[in-house]
Protein backbone atom coordinates (compact mmCIF):
# COMPACT_ATOMS: atom_id res chain seq x y z
CA MET A 1 -2.21 -26.59 -22.39
CA ILE A 2 0.42 -27.55 -19.83
CA PRO A 3 2.05 -24.44 -18.40
CA GLU A 4 5.86 -23.93 -19.43
CA THR A 5 6.41 -24.32 -15.45
CA ALA A 6 4.79 -27.65 -14.84
CA LYS A 7 6.30 -28.34 -17.71
CA ARG A 8 9.77 -28.17 -16.07
CA ILE A 9 8.90 -29.71 -13.13
CA LEU A 10 7.63 -32.69 -15.11
CA ALA A 11 10.99 -32.96 -16.73
CA LEU A 12 13.09 -32.61 -13.66
CA LEU A 13 10.89 -35.56 -11.73
CA LEU A 14 11.42 -37.55 -14.82
CA CYS A 15 15.30 -36.80 -14.64
CA LEU A 16 15.19 -37.77 -10.58
CA ALA A 17 13.44 -41.12 -11.41
CA LEU A 18 16.19 -42.22 -13.72
CA LEU A 19 18.94 -40.93 -11.76
CA GLY A 20 17.18 -43.15 -8.75
CA GLY A 21 16.90 -46.14 -10.77
CA THR A 22 20.81 -45.88 -11.99
CA ALA A 23 21.20 -45.58 -8.01
CA ALA A 24 20.20 -49.30 -7.35
CA PHE A 25 21.53 -50.85 -10.77
CA ALA A 26 23.88 -49.77 -13.58
CA GLU A 27 23.38 -50.62 -17.21
CA GLY A 28 26.02 -51.88 -19.12
CA ASN A 29 26.47 -51.61 -22.48
CA TYR A 30 28.84 -54.65 -22.88
CA ILE A 31 28.25 -58.17 -21.73
CA PRO A 32 30.84 -60.53 -21.66
CA PRO A 33 29.96 -64.26 -23.47
CA GLU A 34 29.52 -66.69 -21.12
CA GLU A 35 32.06 -69.59 -20.61
CA GLU A 36 31.15 -72.67 -22.93
CA ASP A 37 33.36 -75.02 -21.54
CA TYR A 38 32.84 -75.03 -17.55
CA GLY A 39 35.25 -78.01 -17.18
CA ILE A 40 34.74 -80.16 -14.03
CA LEU A 41 31.78 -77.68 -13.17
CA ASP A 42 28.13 -78.42 -13.79
CA PRO A 43 26.57 -75.21 -14.25
CA ASP A 44 22.96 -77.03 -14.14
CA ALA A 45 23.97 -78.31 -10.55
CA LEU A 46 25.21 -74.77 -9.81
CA GLN A 47 22.07 -73.27 -11.03
CA GLN A 48 19.65 -75.24 -9.28
CA ILE A 49 21.85 -74.23 -5.55
CA VAL A 50 20.80 -70.46 -6.39
CA ASP A 51 17.10 -71.29 -8.04
CA ALA A 52 16.38 -73.58 -5.10
CA TYR A 53 17.41 -71.52 -2.36
CA CYS A 54 15.82 -68.63 -4.12
CA ASP A 55 12.43 -70.54 -4.09
CA ARG A 56 12.81 -72.14 -0.22
CA LYS A 57 13.26 -68.35 0.77
CA GLY A 58 10.93 -66.51 -1.74
CA LEU A 59 13.78 -64.32 -3.02
CA ASN A 60 13.69 -62.46 -6.01
CA ARG A 61 15.98 -64.03 -8.35
CA GLU A 62 17.00 -60.57 -10.09
CA ASN A 63 18.14 -59.33 -6.67
CA ILE A 64 21.16 -61.72 -6.50
CA SER A 65 24.48 -62.25 -8.50
CA VAL A 66 26.98 -65.09 -7.82
CA GLY A 67 30.54 -65.98 -9.07
CA PHE A 68 32.03 -69.14 -7.94
CA CYS A 69 35.63 -70.61 -8.97
CA TYR A 70 37.04 -74.00 -8.24
CA THR A 71 40.81 -72.83 -7.77
CA ALA A 72 42.13 -76.17 -8.45
CA THR A 73 41.26 -76.10 -12.07
CA GLY A 74 40.63 -71.99 -12.53
CA ASP A 75 36.98 -72.95 -13.69
CA THR A 76 34.88 -70.71 -13.07
CA TRP A 77 30.71 -70.13 -13.36
CA TYR A 78 28.42 -66.95 -13.22
CA TYR A 79 25.02 -66.36 -12.00
CA ASN A 80 23.45 -62.56 -13.12
CA PRO A 81 27.04 -61.47 -13.00
CA ASP A 82 26.71 -58.19 -14.70
CA THR A 83 24.28 -56.27 -12.54
CA TRP A 84 25.79 -53.48 -11.15
CA TYR A 85 25.54 -53.01 -7.38
CA TYR A 86 26.98 -49.83 -5.18
CA SER A 87 29.94 -52.05 -3.91
CA ALA A 88 29.74 -50.94 0.04
CA SER A 89 33.22 -51.93 1.49
CA MET A 90 34.23 -54.50 -0.83
CA TYR A 91 36.23 -51.94 -2.83
CA LYS A 92 38.70 -51.78 0.16
CA VAL A 93 40.34 -55.00 -1.54
CA PRO A 94 41.59 -53.67 -5.10
CA VAL A 95 42.78 -50.53 -2.84
CA MET A 96 44.71 -52.37 -0.61
CA MET A 97 46.19 -54.77 -3.36
CA ILE A 98 47.48 -51.19 -5.11
CA LEU A 99 49.30 -50.55 -2.02
CA ALA A 100 50.38 -54.20 -1.57
CA GLU A 101 51.98 -54.25 -5.26
CA ARG A 102 54.14 -50.93 -3.78
CA TYR A 103 55.16 -52.49 -1.26
CA LYS A 104 56.48 -55.51 -3.06
CA ALA A 105 58.70 -53.19 -5.18
CA GLY A 106 60.07 -51.30 -2.69
CA GLU A 107 58.22 -48.10 -2.81
CA ILE A 108 56.52 -48.13 0.42
CA THR A 109 57.42 -50.16 3.89
CA ASP A 110 55.40 -51.12 6.60
CA GLU A 111 56.62 -48.04 8.30
CA THR A 112 55.49 -45.98 5.71
CA ARG A 113 53.15 -43.22 6.92
CA ILE A 114 50.00 -42.39 4.84
CA SER A 115 47.73 -39.40 6.40
CA GLY A 116 49.52 -40.57 9.77
CA LEU A 117 48.99 -44.22 9.62
CA THR A 118 51.92 -47.17 8.98
CA LEU A 119 51.00 -49.37 6.02
CA ALA A 120 50.90 -52.24 8.76
CA GLU A 121 48.33 -50.42 10.52
CA ALA A 122 46.19 -49.34 7.28
CA ASN A 123 46.09 -53.02 6.57
CA GLU A 124 45.08 -54.32 10.16
CA TYR A 125 42.48 -51.53 10.24
CA ILE A 126 41.09 -51.39 6.44
CA LEU A 127 40.88 -55.13 5.91
CA VAL A 128 40.30 -56.43 9.30
CA TYR A 129 37.87 -53.73 10.67
CA SER A 130 36.76 -52.26 7.48
CA HIS A 131 37.52 -48.60 8.56
CA ASN A 132 35.92 -46.39 6.34
CA ASP A 133 37.86 -42.96 7.04
CA TYR A 134 41.59 -45.15 6.87
CA ALA A 135 40.50 -46.27 3.81
CA HIS A 136 39.32 -43.15 2.22
CA ALA A 137 43.00 -41.96 2.82
CA MET A 138 44.46 -44.69 1.10
CA MET A 139 42.30 -44.42 -2.06
CA HIS A 140 43.62 -40.17 -1.60
CA TYR A 141 46.82 -41.15 -1.47
CA ILE A 142 47.01 -43.34 -4.61
CA GLY A 143 44.86 -40.57 -6.51
CA THR A 144 41.32 -39.41 -7.21
CA ASP A 145 38.72 -41.75 -7.05
CA ALA A 146 38.22 -42.31 -10.66
CA GLU A 147 42.16 -43.07 -10.81
CA CYS A 148 41.98 -45.72 -8.09
CA ARG A 149 38.80 -47.50 -9.86
CA THR A 150 41.00 -47.36 -13.33
CA LEU A 151 44.00 -49.19 -11.56
CA TYR A 152 41.23 -51.81 -10.08
CA GLN A 153 40.82 -52.95 -13.74
CA ASP A 154 44.39 -53.98 -13.72
CA TYR A 155 42.87 -56.79 -11.55
CA ALA A 156 40.30 -58.22 -13.84
CA GLU A 157 40.43 -59.73 -17.45
CA LEU A 158 37.35 -57.30 -18.66
CA PRO A 159 37.81 -54.50 -21.61
CA LYS A 160 37.12 -51.23 -21.26
CA GLU A 161 33.99 -50.96 -22.56
CA TYR A 162 32.53 -53.20 -19.83
CA TYR A 163 32.81 -50.58 -17.19
CA VAL A 164 29.98 -48.28 -16.78
CA GLN A 165 30.08 -44.40 -15.28
CA ASP A 166 28.95 -45.77 -12.06
CA PHE A 167 32.08 -47.68 -11.75
CA TYR A 168 33.98 -44.72 -11.67
CA ASP A 169 31.82 -42.04 -10.47
CA TYR A 170 30.08 -44.13 -7.30
CA SER A 171 31.78 -47.36 -6.93
CA TYR A 172 29.75 -49.54 -8.65
CA PHE A 173 30.83 -53.28 -9.20
CA THR A 174 29.64 -56.88 -10.52
CA ALA A 175 30.02 -60.32 -9.20
CA ARG A 176 32.03 -60.92 -12.80
CA PHE A 177 34.35 -58.13 -11.84
CA MET A 178 34.87 -58.67 -8.07
CA THR A 179 35.51 -62.52 -8.76
CA GLN A 180 37.94 -61.55 -11.04
CA VAL A 181 39.59 -59.52 -8.67
CA MET A 182 39.40 -62.02 -5.91
CA LYS A 183 41.05 -64.99 -8.62
CA THR A 184 43.96 -62.61 -9.25
CA LEU A 185 44.33 -61.85 -5.37
CA TYR A 186 44.47 -66.03 -5.03
CA TYR A 187 46.59 -67.14 -8.12
CA GLU A 188 48.81 -64.08 -7.91
CA GLN A 189 48.98 -64.04 -4.15
CA GLU A 190 52.98 -62.86 -4.06
CA ARG A 191 52.26 -60.06 -5.60
CA PHE A 192 49.90 -58.50 -2.92
CA PRO A 193 51.86 -59.52 0.71
CA ASN A 194 49.66 -59.30 3.91
CA VAL A 195 46.33 -58.79 1.97
CA ILE A 196 45.10 -62.47 1.95
CA ASP A 197 46.70 -62.29 5.50
CA HIS A 198 44.64 -60.12 7.08
CA LEU A 199 41.47 -60.97 5.37
CA LEU A 200 41.61 -64.22 7.30
CA LEU A 201 41.36 -62.25 10.51
CA ALA A 202 38.18 -60.47 9.29
CA GLN A 203 34.81 -60.43 11.07
CA PRO A 204 35.06 -63.74 12.69
CA GLY A 205 31.79 -65.29 12.69
CA GLN A 206 29.79 -63.36 10.45
CA TYR A 207 28.86 -63.44 6.71
CA PHE A 208 30.74 -66.52 5.21
CA LYS A 209 32.62 -67.33 8.57
CA ALA A 210 28.68 -67.56 9.99
CA GLY A 211 28.10 -70.23 7.26
CA ILE A 212 31.67 -72.28 7.42
CA THR A 213 33.60 -72.92 10.92
CA ASP A 214 35.44 -75.95 9.99
CA VAL A 215 38.02 -74.01 7.48
CA PRO A 216 39.87 -71.11 7.18
CA VAL A 217 37.90 -67.82 5.26
CA ALA A 218 39.54 -64.92 3.79
CA GLN A 219 36.54 -62.68 3.12
CA LYS A 220 35.74 -58.85 2.67
CA TYR A 221 31.93 -57.74 3.00
CA GLY A 222 29.97 -55.35 1.72
CA ASN A 223 26.89 -53.38 3.88
CA PHE A 224 25.21 -50.36 3.15
CA GLN A 225 21.46 -48.59 3.03
CA ASP A 226 21.32 -45.55 1.15
CA SER A 227 19.17 -42.81 1.41
CA MET A 228 16.51 -44.55 -0.16
CA GLY A 229 16.23 -47.60 1.73
CA ARG A 230 17.98 -49.84 -0.31
CA GLN A 231 19.99 -52.60 1.32
CA PHE A 232 23.06 -53.69 -0.46
CA THR A 233 24.81 -56.99 0.98
CA HIS A 234 27.49 -58.58 -0.29
CA ASP A 235 30.75 -60.82 0.78
CA THR A 236 33.20 -62.07 -1.48
CA GLY A 237 36.12 -64.58 -0.29
CA ILE A 238 38.46 -67.68 -0.70
CA ILE A 239 37.17 -70.56 1.20
CA TYR A 240 40.00 -72.81 2.17
CA THR A 241 38.40 -76.46 1.68
CA ASP A 242 40.76 -79.15 0.29
CA ASN A 243 40.96 -77.13 -2.73
CA PRO A 244 40.19 -73.85 -1.92
CA PHE A 245 36.87 -71.83 -3.80
CA ILE A 246 36.20 -68.59 -4.47
CA LEU A 247 32.73 -67.11 -3.74
CA THR A 248 31.38 -63.58 -4.82
CA ILE A 249 27.86 -63.02 -3.57
CA MET A 250 26.48 -59.53 -4.05
CA SER A 251 22.54 -58.60 -3.40
CA LYS A 252 20.13 -55.84 -3.04
CA ASN A 253 16.83 -55.88 -0.67
CA MET A 254 17.04 -59.37 0.45
CA GLY A 255 16.10 -59.38 3.90
CA GLN A 256 17.86 -61.00 6.72
CA SER A 257 20.82 -60.94 3.93
CA ASP A 258 23.55 -61.46 6.34
CA ALA A 259 22.08 -65.05 6.53
CA VAL A 260 21.54 -65.74 2.98
CA VAL A 261 24.93 -64.94 2.48
CA ALA A 262 25.73 -67.22 5.33
CA ASP A 263 23.67 -69.70 3.63
CA PHE A 264 24.68 -69.78 0.23
CA CYS A 265 28.41 -70.38 1.27
CA HIS A 266 27.43 -72.96 2.97
CA ASP A 267 25.65 -74.65 0.13
CA PHE A 268 28.86 -74.10 -2.22
CA GLU A 269 30.89 -75.54 0.16
CA ASP A 270 29.14 -78.95 -0.09
CA TYR A 271 29.33 -78.49 -3.80
CA ALA A 272 32.84 -77.82 -3.84
CA ARG A 273 33.72 -81.05 -1.73
CA THR A 274 31.98 -83.05 -4.41
CA LEU A 275 34.24 -81.62 -6.86
CA ASP A 276 37.30 -82.41 -4.28
CA ALA A 277 36.13 -86.09 -4.73
CA ALA A 278 35.84 -85.85 -8.12
CA LEU A 279 38.95 -84.13 -9.23
CA PRO A 280 41.24 -87.16 -9.06
CA ALA A 281 39.20 -89.13 -11.91
CA TYR A 282 38.32 -85.83 -13.78
CA GLU A 283 42.64 -85.04 -13.53
CA LEU A 284 43.15 -88.62 -14.88
CA ALA A 285 40.70 -87.88 -17.96
CA GLN A 286 42.12 -84.69 -18.77
CA GLN A 287 45.46 -86.32 -18.83
CA GLN A 288 44.38 -89.09 -21.09
CA ALA A 289 42.55 -86.95 -23.20
CA ALA A 290 45.79 -84.40 -23.64
CA GLU A 291 47.84 -87.54 -24.34
CA GLU A 292 45.43 -88.68 -26.94
CA GLU A 293 45.44 -85.54 -28.31
CA ALA A 294 49.17 -85.71 -28.52
CA ARG A 295 49.24 -88.89 -29.98
CA ARG A 296 46.77 -87.88 -32.84
CA LEU A 297 48.93 -84.66 -33.71
CA ALA A 298 51.93 -87.21 -33.50
CA GLU A 299 50.31 -89.13 -35.88
CA GLU A 300 49.40 -86.51 -38.26
CA GLU A 301 52.59 -85.15 -38.61
CA GLU A 302 53.70 -88.63 -39.33
CA GLN A 303 51.37 -89.05 -42.19
CA ARG A 304 52.19 -85.17 -43.23
CA ARG A 305 56.18 -86.25 -43.44
CA LEU A 306 55.40 -89.60 -45.42
CA ALA A 307 53.48 -87.88 -47.96
CA GLU A 308 56.09 -85.15 -48.42
CA GLU A 309 58.73 -87.76 -48.72
CA ALA A 310 56.51 -90.00 -51.04
CA ALA A 311 56.04 -86.38 -53.31
CA ALA A 312 59.51 -85.87 -53.25
CA GLN A 313 60.35 -89.39 -54.03
CA ALA A 314 57.85 -89.23 -57.35
CA GLU A 315 59.38 -85.97 -58.33
CA SER A 316 63.00 -87.09 -58.11
CA ALA A 317 62.46 -90.34 -60.21
CA GLU A 318 60.51 -88.10 -63.10
CA ALA A 319 63.51 -86.22 -63.31
CA PRO A 320 65.97 -88.20 -65.38
CA ALA A 321 63.15 -88.99 -67.95
CA GLU A 322 62.66 -85.43 -68.48
CA THR A 323 66.48 -84.54 -68.88
CA GLN A 324 67.36 -87.63 -70.77
CA PRO A 325 68.97 -86.44 -74.13
CA ALA A 326 66.98 -87.65 -77.60
CA GLU A 327 68.32 -90.82 -79.05
CA GLN A 328 71.54 -90.65 -81.71
CA PRO A 329 70.70 -91.74 -85.14
CA SER A 330 72.26 -94.96 -86.13
CA ASP A 331 74.19 -93.42 -88.98
CA PRO A 332 76.46 -90.66 -87.28
CA ALA A 333 75.80 -87.38 -89.19
CA PRO A 334 78.35 -85.69 -91.56
CA VAL A 335 81.18 -83.48 -89.35
CA ALA A 336 82.04 -80.17 -91.19
CA GLU A 337 85.15 -79.43 -92.27
CA PRO A 338 86.72 -76.78 -89.73
CA THR A 339 87.28 -73.39 -90.78
CA ALA A 340 90.38 -71.65 -90.77
CA ALA A 341 91.14 -69.45 -87.48
CA PRO A 342 91.54 -65.75 -87.95
CA SER A 343 94.72 -64.08 -87.56
CA GLY A 344 94.52 -62.16 -84.42
CA PRO A 345 92.35 -62.21 -81.74
CA VAL A 346 88.65 -61.65 -82.12
CA TYR A 347 86.42 -59.48 -79.69
CA PRO A 348 83.04 -59.71 -78.65
CA HIS A 349 80.68 -60.06 -81.40
CA GLY A 350 83.25 -61.38 -84.02
CA VAL A 351 84.61 -57.69 -84.48
CA SER A 352 88.81 -58.10 -85.31
CA ARG A 353 91.37 -56.09 -83.64
CA GLY A 354 92.28 -53.62 -86.70
CA VAL A 355 88.33 -52.64 -86.55
CA MET A 356 88.45 -51.90 -82.76
CA ILE A 357 91.55 -50.06 -83.30
CA GLY A 358 89.93 -47.81 -86.38
CA PHE A 359 86.80 -47.53 -84.10
CA GLY A 360 88.87 -46.14 -81.86
CA ILE A 361 90.68 -43.52 -83.62
CA VAL A 362 87.51 -42.18 -84.73
CA ILE A 363 85.73 -41.77 -80.89
CA VAL A 364 89.25 -39.89 -80.66
CA LEU A 365 89.20 -37.48 -83.21
CA LEU A 366 85.53 -36.80 -82.61
CA LEU A 367 86.19 -36.38 -79.32
CA ALA A 368 89.22 -33.43 -80.01
CA ALA A 369 86.79 -31.95 -82.80
CA PHE A 370 84.29 -31.19 -79.65
CA LEU A 371 86.77 -29.77 -77.12
CA VAL A 372 87.88 -27.12 -79.90
CA GLU A 373 84.67 -26.36 -80.69
CA TYR A 374 83.80 -26.10 -77.10
CA THR A 375 87.16 -23.86 -76.02
CA ALA A 376 85.93 -21.30 -78.76
CA TYR A 377 82.51 -20.88 -77.46
CA LEU A 378 83.73 -20.49 -74.02
CA ARG A 379 86.13 -17.57 -75.24
CA GLU A 380 83.43 -15.95 -77.13
CA ARG A 381 81.24 -16.16 -74.13
CA LYS A 382 84.18 -14.75 -72.15
CA TYR A 383 84.69 -11.72 -74.31
CA ALA A 384 80.58 -11.06 -74.59
CA ARG A 385 80.64 -10.52 -70.48
CA SER A 386 83.77 -8.59 -70.79
CA ALA A 387 82.09 -6.35 -73.45
CA GLY A 388 79.15 -5.72 -71.77
CA SER A 389 81.21 -4.65 -68.52
CA ARG A 390 82.87 -2.15 -70.01
CA GLY A 391 79.87 -0.78 -71.92
CA ARG A 392 78.08 -0.43 -68.21
CA ARG A 393 81.01 1.47 -66.82
């Protein structure tokens, strides 16, 4: 038999093992369906970019997640998008988006001081230099950690069921979530003044900017090694090729992870440029398809209208035949002799005036008799009450 103390120790070790597993990845209960229509994107070509690089470098494909959006069309593709990683410094983007919205609404200004720091200084220190203490101060100004992370959800189109508890407790993100945040930042950038401007200045020559040098890149990295030695390296950004693309790379224990992030950005840039070249023909084909669909719908509507008109004409043509009177006999029917009209007016249902007067007299007499009887009844009651009252005295 195992002693009771040993059982408790084994149970504790099991709990710690489970907790250690969730420290690397968190499991979600809800996974959104994958896109069925990728538009201009070729999902097989994108898959090949990741698989070929992982094979070439001997990387574990399960330890990397990718989100790619071609902004000219909005088409988006993901690779292992729903694995949860510790976000490291990537959370600083949605934090500053919250404050940027309040700036836009006039609730705060560049000179508003938050924990001794102006908003203008906060944008620089946090988005350009990734200052941790100042970022925490901004979060505490907004609310609790969990409250801030609940607000982050406004920047992604994901249901509440998607988010795991580690998202609220420990700032775990997925590539799907972070890519959607960056899409919101790009497509609605007027909501978030100054955020992209500062991300364009961040980490020159590092991460995505190490893989691309000829176009601007607005990026935010995340890099963290936990107490168990697990290394998380991420980057997310807007790469300003002719038609900008959004890229998110999240990884765990990749080895030379900075170079991995840079290499992936370079490979996806090459792919995005092939999309730039194909875009005019794609847009023309989309326009022609839309015009053809409009013609088809117009033809269906015209056919429906003609069918309704034909049905209405057929109905109106049948109506006279249904209402036509029966044929008259050749010999006219004999006409009845007119009867003498009654003297005096006739009331409804053929009742004469004399009968109506008699009926009214009867009703009046009955009503008078009723009033006499009812008056006598009231007198008797009054007398009875009066007598009862005298008896009680």
